[in-house]
Each structure stands twice: as C-alpha cells, then as structure tokens.
Amino acid sequence: MAKKMFIRCSLCNKVLIERMTNGLWSFSFGRPMAEDPQNPTPIETIAPVRMMVHGSIKMRCLRKSCRLRHPDHWEILTFFPSPQKEETVKESVAIG
C-alpha cells in the first residue's frame, strides 16, 4: 500500500488536503457520519463533503485562528510535478 501524502498549512501545520498517487487532490471536510443512520456503529464512515480535484488549487487554511492571524496567506498547490518526484508541490504566498 502506498504511503499517503498530505499537504499541510505552512503556518500552523494543519492538514489541508491529500495528494493521491495519480496526481488528484482529495479533499474531505466535516465530521464523519454513518452511511446508514439506523446502524450506530458502522464499519465505515463518510465525511459530508468529499471532493476529488484535478488541477491546481489555491486555498486558505481551514483553521479559523490561523485565518484570523494571517488573513492574506494562501497555499498554492500545483498539479505538476507528480508526487513521485522529490520536488515540492506547494508554494506559500501572501496576497496583499
């Protein structure tokens, strides 16, 4: 099984998004919920928001305190290079 690659906020180190081995970005947000409401102890849970993104992303940190301290900070996540390369896949910028 391949090791998961997570991209973190460069300021507070919170996990922002996962980089899949095929180059897609996998984003999950929200508290996991049971797939079947009648079964309180499910084997697998799902997040309310789950997106697979193909391309480059510009996003802010999900942590409210980080966004308030650094309102102009964005993470730029580029689709290229592929995750197999040792190069970095993100660049931090301050807009403003």
PDB file of N, CA and C in Angstrom:
ATOM      1  N   MET A   1       0.840  -1.178   0.000  1.00  0.00           N
ATOM      2  CA  MET A   1       0.000   0.000   0.000  1.00  0.00           C
ATOM      3  C   MET A   1       0.884   1.240   0.000  1.00  0.00           C
ATOM      4  N   ALA A   2       0.560   2.203  -0.821  1.00  0.00           N
ATOM      5  CA  ALA A   2       1.358   3.425  -0.934  1.00  0.00           C
ATOM      6  C   ALA A   2       1.132   4.326   0.281  1.00  0.00           C
ATOM      7  N   LYS A   3       2.182   5.032   0.646  1.00  0.00           N
ATOM      8  CA  LYS A   3       2.087   5.965   1.758  1.00  0.00           C
ATOM      9  C   LYS A   3       1.262   7.175   1.334  1.00  0.00           C
ATOM     10  N   LYS A   4       0.353   7.638   2.220  1.00  0.00           N
ATOM     11  CA  LYS A   4      -0.479   8.789   1.906  1.00  0.00           C
ATOM     12  C   LYS A   4       0.354  10.060   2.018  1.00  0.00           C
ATOM     13  N   MET A   5       0.073  11.002   1.113  1.00  0.00           N
ATOM     14  CA  MET A   5       0.807  12.261   1.092  1.00  0.00           C
ATOM     15  C   MET A   5      -0.172  13.388   1.404  1.00  0.00           C
ATOM     16  N   PHE A   6       0.008  14.037   2.547  1.00  0.00           N
ATOM     17  CA  PHE A   6      -0.857  15.126   2.955  1.00  0.00           C
ATOM     18  C   PHE A   6      -0.109  16.448   2.852  1.00  0.00           C
ATOM     19  N   ILE A   7      -0.807  17.465   2.374  1.00  0.00           N
ATOM     20  CA  ILE A   7      -0.268  18.811   2.309  1.00  0.00           C
ATOM     21  C   ILE A   7      -0.796  19.560   3.520  1.00  0.00           C
ATOM     22  N   ARG A   8       0.107  20.232   4.224  1.00  0.00           N
ATOM     23  CA  ARG A   8      -0.247  20.942   5.458  1.00  0.00           C
ATOM     24  C   ARG A   8      -0.081  22.444   5.292  1.00  0.00           C
ATOM     25  N   CYS A   9      -0.769  23.202   6.134  1.00  0.00           N
ATOM     26  CA  CYS A   9      -0.608  24.651   6.158  1.00  0.00           C
ATOM     27  C   CYS A   9       0.827  24.953   6.583  1.00  0.00           C
ATOM     28  N   SER A  10       1.475  25.844   5.874  1.00  0.00           N
ATOM     29  CA  SER A  10       2.871  26.157   6.180  1.00  0.00           C
ATOM     30  C   SER A  10       3.012  26.991   7.455  1.00  0.00           C
ATOM     31  N   LEU A  11       1.916  27.534   7.959  1.00  0.00           N
ATOM     32  CA  LEU A  11       1.980  28.358   9.166  1.00  0.00           C
ATOM     33  C   LEU A  11       1.604  27.587  10.437  1.00  0.00           C
ATOM     34  N   CYS A  12       0.513  26.807  10.392  1.00  0.00           N
ATOM     35  CA  CYS A  12       0.055  26.118  11.612  1.00  0.00           C
ATOM     36  C   CYS A  12       0.166  24.596  11.531  1.00  0.00           C
ATOM     37  N   ASN A  13       0.544  24.058  10.387  1.00  0.00           N
ATOM     38  CA  ASN A  13       0.776  22.627  10.178  1.00  0.00           C
ATOM     39  C   ASN A  13      -0.505  21.783  10.171  1.00  0.00           C
ATOM     40  N   LYS A  14      -1.663  22.397   9.981  1.00  0.00           N
ATOM     41  CA  LYS A  14      -2.914  21.647   9.886  1.00  0.00           C
ATOM     42  C   LYS A  14      -2.999  20.971   8.521  1.00  0.00           C
ATOM     43  N   VAL A  15      -3.475  19.729   8.490  1.00  0.00           N
ATOM     44  CA  VAL A  15      -3.654  19.014   7.231  1.00  0.00           C
ATOM     45  C   VAL A  15      -4.734  19.716   6.414  1.00  0.00           C
ATOM     46  N   LEU A  16      -4.408  20.044   5.161  1.00  0.00           N
ATOM     47  CA  LEU A  16      -5.349  20.731   4.282  1.00  0.00           C
ATOM     48  C   LEU A  16      -5.991  19.794   3.271  1.00  0.00           C
ATOM     49  N   ILE A  17      -5.159  18.972   2.623  1.00  0.00           N
ATOM     50  CA  ILE A  17      -5.648  18.170   1.507  1.00  0.00           C
ATOM     51  C   ILE A  17      -4.690  16.996   1.285  1.00  0.00           C
ATOM     52  N   GLU A  18      -5.187  15.931   0.685  1.00  0.00           N
ATOM     53  CA  GLU A  18      -4.365  14.752   0.393  1.00  0.00           C
ATOM     54  C   GLU A  18      -4.027  14.724  -1.088  1.00  0.00           C
ATOM     55  N   ARG A  19      -2.794  14.355  -1.394  1.00  0.00           N
ATOM     56  CA  ARG A  19      -2.359  14.189  -2.787  1.00  0.00           C
ATOM     57  C   ARG A  19      -2.382  12.701  -3.101  1.00  0.00           C
ATOM     58  N   MET A  20      -3.203  12.300  -4.076  1.00  0.00           N
ATOM     59  CA  MET A  20      -3.308  10.897  -4.458  1.00  0.00           C
ATOM     60  C   MET A  20      -2.125  10.520  -5.348  1.00  0.00           C
ATOM     61  N   THR A  21      -1.861   9.241  -5.484  1.00  0.00           N
ATOM     62  CA  THR A  21      -0.730   8.789  -6.294  1.00  0.00           C
ATOM     63  C   THR A  21      -0.941   9.089  -7.777  1.00  0.00           C
ATOM     64  N   ASN A  22      -2.195   9.247  -8.219  1.00  0.00           N
ATOM     65  CA  ASN A  22      -2.463   9.560  -9.625  1.00  0.00           C
ATOM     66  C   ASN A  22      -2.421  11.062  -9.897  1.00  0.00           C
ATOM     67  N   GLY A  23      -2.088  11.878  -8.890  1.00  0.00           N
ATOM     68  CA  GLY A  23      -1.967  13.317  -9.066  1.00  0.00           C
ATOM     69  C   GLY A  23      -3.186  14.116  -8.654  1.00  0.00           C
ATOM     70  N   LEU A  24      -4.310  13.450  -8.425  1.00  0.00           N
ATOM     71  CA  LEU A  24      -5.514  14.160  -7.992  1.00  0.00           C
ATOM     72  C   LEU A  24      -5.373  14.633  -6.548  1.00  0.00           C
ATOM     73  N   TRP A  25      -6.088  15.708  -6.222  1.00  0.00           N
ATOM     74  CA  TRP A  25      -6.190  16.175  -4.842  1.00  0.00           C
ATOM     75  C   TRP A  25      -7.474  15.606  -4.265  1.00  0.00           C
ATOM     76  N   SER A  26      -7.410  15.079  -3.046  1.00  0.00           N
ATOM     77  CA  SER A  26      -8.582  14.530  -2.370  1.00  0.00           C
ATOM     78  C   SER A  26      -8.860  15.386  -1.145  1.00  0.00           C
ATOM     79  N   PHE A  27     -10.042  16.009  -1.105  1.00  0.00           N
ATOM     80  CA  PHE A  27     -10.409  16.924  -0.032  1.00  0.00           C
ATOM     81  C   PHE A  27     -11.631  16.397   0.697  1.00  0.00           C
ATOM     82  N   SER A  28     -11.535  16.252   2.010  1.00  0.00           N
ATOM     83  CA  SER A  28     -12.665  15.847   2.853  1.00  0.00           C
ATOM     84  C   SER A  28     -12.855  16.898   3.923  1.00  0.00           C
ATOM     85  N   PHE A  29     -14.119  17.250   4.187  1.00  0.00           N
ATOM     86  CA  PHE A  29     -14.389  18.260   5.199  1.00  0.00           C
ATOM     87  C   PHE A  29     -15.649  17.883   5.957  1.00  0.00           C
ATOM     88  N   GLY A  30     -15.649  18.120   7.241  1.00  0.00           N
ATOM     89  CA  GLY A  30     -16.812  17.848   8.077  1.00  0.00           C
ATOM     90  C   GLY A  30     -16.599  16.635   8.953  1.00  0.00           C
ATOM     91  N   ARG A  31     -17.475  16.492   9.909  1.00  0.00           N
ATOM     92  CA  ARG A  31     -17.390  15.339  10.808  1.00  0.00           C
ATOM     93  C   ARG A  31     -17.946  14.107  10.108  1.00  0.00           C
ATOM     94  N   PRO A  32     -17.236  12.985  10.227  1.00  0.00           N
ATOM     95  CA  PRO A  32     -17.722  11.763   9.567  1.00  0.00           C
ATOM     96  C   PRO A  32     -19.088  11.346  10.106  1.00  0.00           C
ATOM     97  N   MET A  33     -19.934  10.857   9.214  1.00  0.00           N
ATOM     98  CA  MET A  33     -21.261  10.386   9.582  1.00  0.00           C
ATOM     99  C   MET A  33     -21.414   8.944   9.125  1.00  0.00           C
ATOM    100  N   ALA A  34     -22.301   8.218   9.803  1.00  0.00           N
ATOM    101  CA  ALA A  34     -22.568   6.839   9.422  1.00  0.00           C
ATOM    102  C   ALA A  34     -23.265   6.812   8.077  1.00  0.00           C
ATOM    103  N   GLU A  35     -22.936   5.823   7.246  1.00  0.00           N
ATOM    104  CA  GLU A  35     -23.607   5.685   5.955  1.00  0.00           C
ATOM    105  C   GLU A  35     -25.066   5.296   6.149  1.00  0.00           C
ATOM    106  N   ASP A  36     -25.342   4.508   7.171  1.00  0.00           N
ATOM    107  CA  ASP A  36     -26.704   4.064   7.465  1.00  0.00           C
ATOM    108  C   ASP A  36     -27.128   4.648   8.811  1.00  0.00           C
ATOM    109  N   PRO A  37     -28.078   5.586   8.862  1.00  0.00           N
ATOM    110  CA  PRO A  37     -28.481   6.204  10.134  1.00  0.00           C
ATOM    111  C   PRO A  37     -29.036   5.204  11.147  1.00  0.00           C
ATOM    112  N   GLN A  38     -29.580   4.061  10.695  1.00  0.00           N
ATOM    113  CA  GLN A  38     -30.119   3.060  11.610  1.00  0.00           C
ATOM    114  C   GLN A  38     -29.028   2.243  12.291  1.00  0.00           C
ATOM    115  N   ASN A  39     -27.823   2.241  11.731  1.00  0.00           N
ATOM    116  CA  ASN A  39     -26.720   1.473  12.298  1.00  0.00           C
ATOM    117  C   ASN A  39     -25.767   2.429  13.010  1.00  0.00           C
ATOM    118  N   PRO A  40     -25.821   2.520  14.370  1.00  0.00           N
ATOM    119  CA  PRO A  40     -24.987   3.491  15.096  1.00  0.00           C
ATOM    120  C   PRO A  40     -23.497   3.135  15.123  1.00  0.00           C
ATOM    121  N   THR A  41     -23.142   1.905  14.833  1.00  0.00           N
ATOM    122  CA  THR A  41     -21.737   1.506  14.850  1.00  0.00           C
ATOM    123  C   THR A  41     -21.343   1.001  13.461  1.00  0.00           C
ATOM    124  N   PRO A  42     -21.200   1.904  12.507  1.00  0.00           N
ATOM    125  CA  PRO A  42     -20.882   1.465  11.139  1.00  0.00           C
ATOM    126  C   PRO A  42     -19.438   1.016  11.010  1.00  0.00           C
ATOM    127  N   ILE A  43     -19.199   0.178  10.021  1.00  0.00           N
ATOM    128  CA  ILE A  43     -17.841  -0.272   9.741  1.00  0.00           C
ATOM    129  C   ILE A  43     -17.053   0.864   9.099  1.00  0.00           C
ATOM    130  N   GLU A  44     -17.691   1.629   8.228  1.00  0.00           N
ATOM    131  CA  GLU A  44     -17.020   2.717   7.522  1.00  0.00           C
ATOM    132  C   GLU A  44     -17.869   3.979   7.637  1.00  0.00           C
ATOM    133  N   THR A  45     -17.220   5.112   7.827  1.00  0.00           N
ATOM    134  CA  THR A  45     -17.934   6.379   7.889  1.00  0.00           C
ATOM    135  C   THR A  45     -17.497   7.258   6.723  1.00  0.00           C
ATOM    136  N   ILE A  46     -18.339   8.227   6.389  1.00  0.00           N
ATOM    137  CA  ILE A  46     -18.018   9.130   5.286  1.00  0.00           C
ATOM    138  C   ILE A  46     -18.125  10.568   5.771  1.00  0.00           C
ATOM    139  N   ALA A  47     -17.335  11.449   5.189  1.00  0.00           N
ATOM    140  CA  ALA A  47     -17.398  12.871   5.507  1.00  0.00           C
ATOM    141  C   ALA A  47     -18.526  13.502   4.694  1.00  0.00           C
ATOM    142  N   PRO A  48     -19.188  14.536   5.237  1.00  0.00           N
ATOM    143  CA  PRO A  48     -20.265  15.191   4.491  1.00  0.00           C
ATOM    144  C   PRO A  48     -19.802  15.796   3.163  1.00  0.00           C
ATOM    145  N   VAL A  49     -18.573  16.322   3.106  1.00  0.00           N
ATOM    146  CA  VAL A  49     -18.047  16.911   1.877  1.00  0.00           C
ATOM    147  C   VAL A  49     -16.810  16.124   1.459  1.00  0.00           C
ATOM    148  N   ARG A  50     -16.822  15.596   0.247  1.00  0.00           N
ATOM    149  CA  ARG A  50     -15.680  14.845  -0.285  1.00  0.00           C
ATOM    150  C   ARG A  50     -15.518  15.231  -1.745  1.00  0.00           C
ATOM    151  N   MET A  51     -14.360  15.803  -2.095  1.00  0.00           N
ATOM    152  CA  MET A  51     -14.114  16.239  -3.469  1.00  0.00           C
ATOM    153  C   MET A  51     -12.798  15.664  -3.973  1.00  0.00           C
ATOM    154  N   MET A  52     -12.775  15.352  -5.253  1.00  0.00           N
ATOM    155  CA  MET A  52     -11.560  14.975  -5.946  1.00  0.00           C
ATOM    156  C   MET A  52     -11.313  16.087  -6.960  1.00  0.00           C
ATOM    157  N   VAL A  53     -10.119  16.702  -6.912  1.00  0.00           N
ATOM    158  CA  VAL A  53      -9.832  17.860  -7.748  1.00  0.00           C
ATOM    159  C   VAL A  53      -8.683  17.529  -8.698  1.00  0.00           C
ATOM    160  N   HIS A  54      -8.877  17.843  -9.969  1.00  0.00           N
ATOM    161  CA  HIS A  54      -7.843  17.664 -10.983  1.00  0.00           C
ATOM    162  C   HIS A  54      -7.379  19.050 -11.398  1.00  0.00           C
ATOM    163  N   GLY A  55      -6.134  19.380 -11.121  1.00  0.00           N
ATOM    164  CA  GLY A  55      -5.606  20.697 -11.468  1.00  0.00           C
ATOM    165  C   GLY A  55      -4.948  21.355 -10.281  1.00  0.00           C
ATOM    166  N   SER A  56      -4.689  22.637 -10.406  1.00  0.00           N
ATOM    167  CA  SER A  56      -4.035  23.397  -9.341  1.00  0.00           C
ATOM    168  C   SER A  56      -5.089  24.025  -8.433  1.00  0.00           C
ATOM    169  N   ILE A  57      -4.704  24.256  -7.178  1.00  0.00           N
ATOM    170  CA  ILE A  57      -5.631  24.772  -6.169  1.00  0.00           C
ATOM    171  C   ILE A  57      -4.972  25.932  -5.432  1.00  0.00           C
ATOM    172  N   LYS A  58      -5.772  26.915  -5.105  1.00  0.00           N
ATOM    173  CA  LYS A  58      -5.358  27.999  -4.225  1.00  0.00           C
ATOM    174  C   LYS A  58      -6.344  27.969  -3.059  1.00  0.00           C
ATOM    175  N   MET A  59      -5.853  27.709  -1.846  1.00  0.00           N
ATOM    176  CA  MET A  59      -6.770  27.601  -0.712  1.00  0.00           C
ATOM    177  C   MET A  59      -6.186  28.212   0.549  1.00  0.00           C
ATOM    178  N   ARG A  60      -7.075  28.616   1.427  1.00  0.00           N
ATOM    179  CA  ARG A  60      -6.677  29.150   2.729  1.00  0.00           C
ATOM    180  C   ARG A  60      -6.737  28.024   3.740  1.00  0.00           C
ATOM    181  N   CYS A  61      -6.143  28.258   4.893  1.00  0.00           N
ATOM    182  CA  CYS A  61      -6.152  27.263   5.964  1.00  0.00           C
ATOM    183  C   CYS A  61      -7.577  27.073   6.472  1.00  0.00           C
ATOM    184  N   LEU A  62      -7.902  25.866   6.907  1.00  0.00           N
ATOM    185  CA  LEU A  62      -9.224  25.560   7.432  1.00  0.00           C
ATOM    186  C   LEU A  62      -9.359  25.954   8.898  1.00  0.00           C
ATOM    187  N   ARG A  63      -8.241  26.163   9.576  1.00  0.00           N
ATOM    188  CA  ARG A  63      -8.255  26.532  10.994  1.00  0.00           C
ATOM    189  C   ARG A  63      -8.578  28.028  11.126  1.00  0.00           C
ATOM    190  N   LYS A  64      -9.661  28.333  11.848  1.00  0.00           N
ATOM    191  CA  LYS A  64     -10.136  29.716  11.975  1.00  0.00           C
ATOM    192  C   LYS A  64      -9.086  30.629  12.593  1.00  0.00           C
ATOM    193  N   SER A  65      -8.407  30.184  13.635  1.00  0.00           N
ATOM    194  CA  SER A  65      -7.408  31.033  14.297  1.00  0.00           C
ATOM    195  C   SER A  65      -6.252  31.356  13.357  1.00  0.00           C
ATOM    196  N   CYS A  66      -5.878  30.448  12.490  1.00  0.00           N
ATOM    197  CA  CYS A  66      -4.805  30.691  11.514  1.00  0.00           C
ATOM    198  C   CYS A  66      -5.267  31.718  10.470  1.00  0.00           C
ATOM    199  N   ARG A  67      -6.503  31.583   9.997  1.00  0.00           N
ATOM    200  CA  ARG A  67      -7.038  32.545   9.015  1.00  0.00           C
ATOM    201  C   ARG A  67      -7.133  33.947   9.609  1.00  0.00           C
ATOM    202  N   LEU A  68      -7.514  34.052  10.886  1.00  0.00           N
ATOM    203  CA  LEU A  68      -7.635  35.364  11.523  1.00  0.00           C
ATOM    204  C   LEU A  68      -6.276  36.014  11.745  1.00  0.00           C
ATOM    205  N   ARG A  69      -5.271  35.226  12.123  1.00  0.00           N
ATOM    206  CA  ARG A  69      -3.919  35.768  12.336  1.00  0.00           C
ATOM    207  C   ARG A  69      -3.237  36.146  11.034  1.00  0.00           C
ATOM    208  N   HIS A  70      -3.515  35.399   9.974  1.00  0.00           N
ATOM    209  CA  HIS A  70      -2.849  35.597   8.674  1.00  0.00           C
ATOM    210  C   HIS A  70      -3.903  35.675   7.572  1.00  0.00           C
ATOM    211  N   PRO A  71      -4.678  36.773   7.505  1.00  0.00           N
ATOM    212  CA  PRO A  71      -5.792  36.840   6.543  1.00  0.00           C
ATOM    213  C   PRO A  71      -5.365  36.855   5.074  1.00  0.00           C
ATOM    214  N   ASP A  72      -4.123  37.216   4.779  1.00  0.00           N
ATOM    215  CA  ASP A  72      -3.672  37.285   3.389  1.00  0.00           C
ATOM    216  C   ASP A  72      -2.843  36.076   2.963  1.00  0.00           C
ATOM    217  N   HIS A  73      -2.789  35.050   3.785  1.00  0.00           N
ATOM    218  CA  HIS A  73      -1.965  33.872   3.479  1.00  0.00           C
ATOM    219  C   HIS A  73      -2.777  32.837   2.704  1.00  0.00           C
ATOM    220  N   TRP A  74      -2.231  32.378   1.587  1.00  0.00           N
ATOM    221  CA  TRP A  74      -2.846  31.349   0.752  1.00  0.00           C
ATOM    222  C   TRP A  74      -1.821  30.260   0.481  1.00  0.00           C
ATOM    223  N   GLU A  75      -2.276  29.040   0.337  1.00  0.00           N
ATOM    224  CA  GLU A  75      -1.434  27.931  -0.106  1.00  0.00           C
ATOM    225  C   GLU A  75      -1.738  27.707  -1.592  1.00  0.00           C
ATOM    226  N   ILE A  76      -0.694  27.695  -2.411  1.00  0.00           N
ATOM    227  CA  ILE A  76      -0.829  27.422  -3.845  1.00  0.00           C
ATOM    228  C   ILE A  76      -0.343  25.995  -4.073  1.00  0.00           C
ATOM    229  N   LEU A  77      -1.240  25.124  -4.506  1.00  0.00           N
ATOM    230  CA  LEU A  77      -0.926  23.711  -4.715  1.00  0.00           C
ATOM    231  C   LEU A  77      -1.003  23.438  -6.210  1.00  0.00           C
ATOM    232  N   THR A  78       0.116  23.117  -6.807  1.00  0.00           N
ATOM    233  CA  THR A  78       0.158  22.918  -8.252  1.00  0.00           C
ATOM    234  C   THR A  78      -0.046  21.448  -8.612  1.00  0.00           C
ATOM    235  N   PHE A  79      -0.683  21.235  -9.739  1.00  0.00           N
ATOM    236  CA  PHE A  79      -0.936  19.871 -10.199  1.00  0.00           C
ATOM    237  C   PHE A  79       0.349  19.165 -10.589  1.00  0.00           C
ATOM    238  N   PHE A  80       1.285  19.915 -11.181  1.00  0.00           N
ATOM    239  CA  PHE A  80       2.575  19.349 -11.568  1.00  0.00           C
ATOM    240  C   PHE A  80       3.632  19.876 -10.630  1.00  0.00           C
ATOM    241  N   PRO A  81       4.666  19.197 -10.269  1.00  0.00           N
ATOM    242  CA  PRO A  81       5.106  17.887 -10.740  1.00  0.00           C
ATOM    243  C   PRO A  81       4.345  16.760 -10.046  1.00  0.00           C
ATOM    244  N   SER A  82       4.522  15.550 -10.532  1.00  0.00           N
ATOM    245  CA  SER A  82       3.850  14.400  -9.937  1.00  0.00           C
ATOM    246  C   SER A  82       4.423  14.140  -8.549  1.00  0.00           C
ATOM    247  N   PRO A  83       3.661  13.498  -7.665  1.00  0.00           N
ATOM    248  CA  PRO A  83       4.122  13.281  -6.295  1.00  0.00           C
ATOM    249  C   PRO A  83       5.322  12.342  -6.172  1.00  0.00           C
ATOM    250  N   GLN A  84       5.666  11.606  -7.237  1.00  0.00           N
ATOM    251  CA  GLN A  84       6.814  10.698  -7.168  1.00  0.00           C
ATOM    252  C   GLN A  84       8.131  11.466  -7.152  1.00  0.00           C
ATOM    253  N   LYS A  85       8.140  12.705  -7.644  1.00  0.00           N
ATOM    254  CA  LYS A  85       9.360  13.492  -7.657  1.00  0.00           C
ATOM    255  C   LYS A  85       9.631  14.060  -6.272  1.00  0.00           C
ATOM    256  N   GLU A  86      10.881  14.361  -5.993  1.00  0.00           N
ATOM    257  CA  GLU A  86      11.274  14.883  -4.694  1.00  0.00           C
ATOM    258  C   GLU A  86      11.056  16.384  -4.571  1.00  0.00           C
ATOM    259  N   GLU A  87      10.601  17.028  -5.648  1.00  0.00           N
ATOM    260  CA  GLU A  87      10.396  18.467  -5.618  1.00  0.00           C
ATOM    261  C   GLU A  87       9.175  18.804  -4.776  1.00  0.00           C
ATOM    262  N   THR A  88       9.092  20.037  -4.331  1.00  0.00           N
ATOM    263  CA  THR A  88       7.950  20.464  -3.540  1.00  0.00           C
ATOM    264  C   THR A  88       6.754  20.715  -4.454  1.00  0.00           C
ATOM    265  N   VAL A  89       5.542  20.484  -3.952  1.00  0.00           N
ATOM    266  CA  VAL A  89       4.341  20.681  -4.759  1.00  0.00           C
ATOM    267  C   VAL A  89       3.556  21.898  -4.298  1.00  0.00           C
ATOM    268  N   LYS A  90       4.077  22.650  -3.356  1.00  0.00           N
ATOM    269  CA  LYS A  90       3.331  23.815  -2.920  1.00  0.00           C
ATOM    270  C   LYS A  90       4.234  25.009  -2.743  1.00  0.00           C
ATOM    271  N   GLU A  91       3.626  26.140  -2.723  1.00  0.00           N
ATOM    272  CA  GLU A  91       4.343  27.406  -2.572  1.00  0.00           C
ATOM    273  C   GLU A  91       3.463  28.294  -1.703  1.00  0.00           C
ATOM    274  N   SER A  92       4.030  28.937  -0.703  1.00  0.00           N
ATOM    275  CA  SER A  92       3.255  29.809   0.159  1.00  0.00           C
ATOM    276  C   SER A  92       3.405  31.237  -0.325  1.00  0.00           C
ATOM    277  N   VAL A  93       2.282  31.926  -0.349  1.00  0.00           N
ATOM    278  CA  VAL A  93       2.308  33.316  -0.794  1.00  0.00           C
ATOM    279  C   VAL A  93       1.455  34.173   0.132  1.00  0.00           C
ATOM    280  N   ALA A  94       1.785  35.427   0.216  1.00  0.00           N
ATOM    281  CA  ALA A  94       0.969  36.406   0.938  1.00  0.00           C
ATOM    282  C   ALA A  94       0.433  37.372  -0.101  1.00  0.00           C
ATOM    283  N   ILE A  95      -0.874  37.446  -0.201  1.00  0.00           N
ATOM    284  CA  ILE A  95      -1.525  38.340  -1.144  1.00  0.00           C
ATOM    285  C   ILE A  95      -1.801  39.653  -0.404  1.00  0.00           C
ATOM    286  N   GLY A  96      -1.431  40.754  -0.975  1.00  0.00           N
ATOM    287  CA  GLY A  96      -1.783  41.991  -0.279  1.00  0.00           C
ATOM    288  C   GLY A  96      -0.809  43.076  -0.410  1.00  0.00           C
TER     289      GLY A  96
END
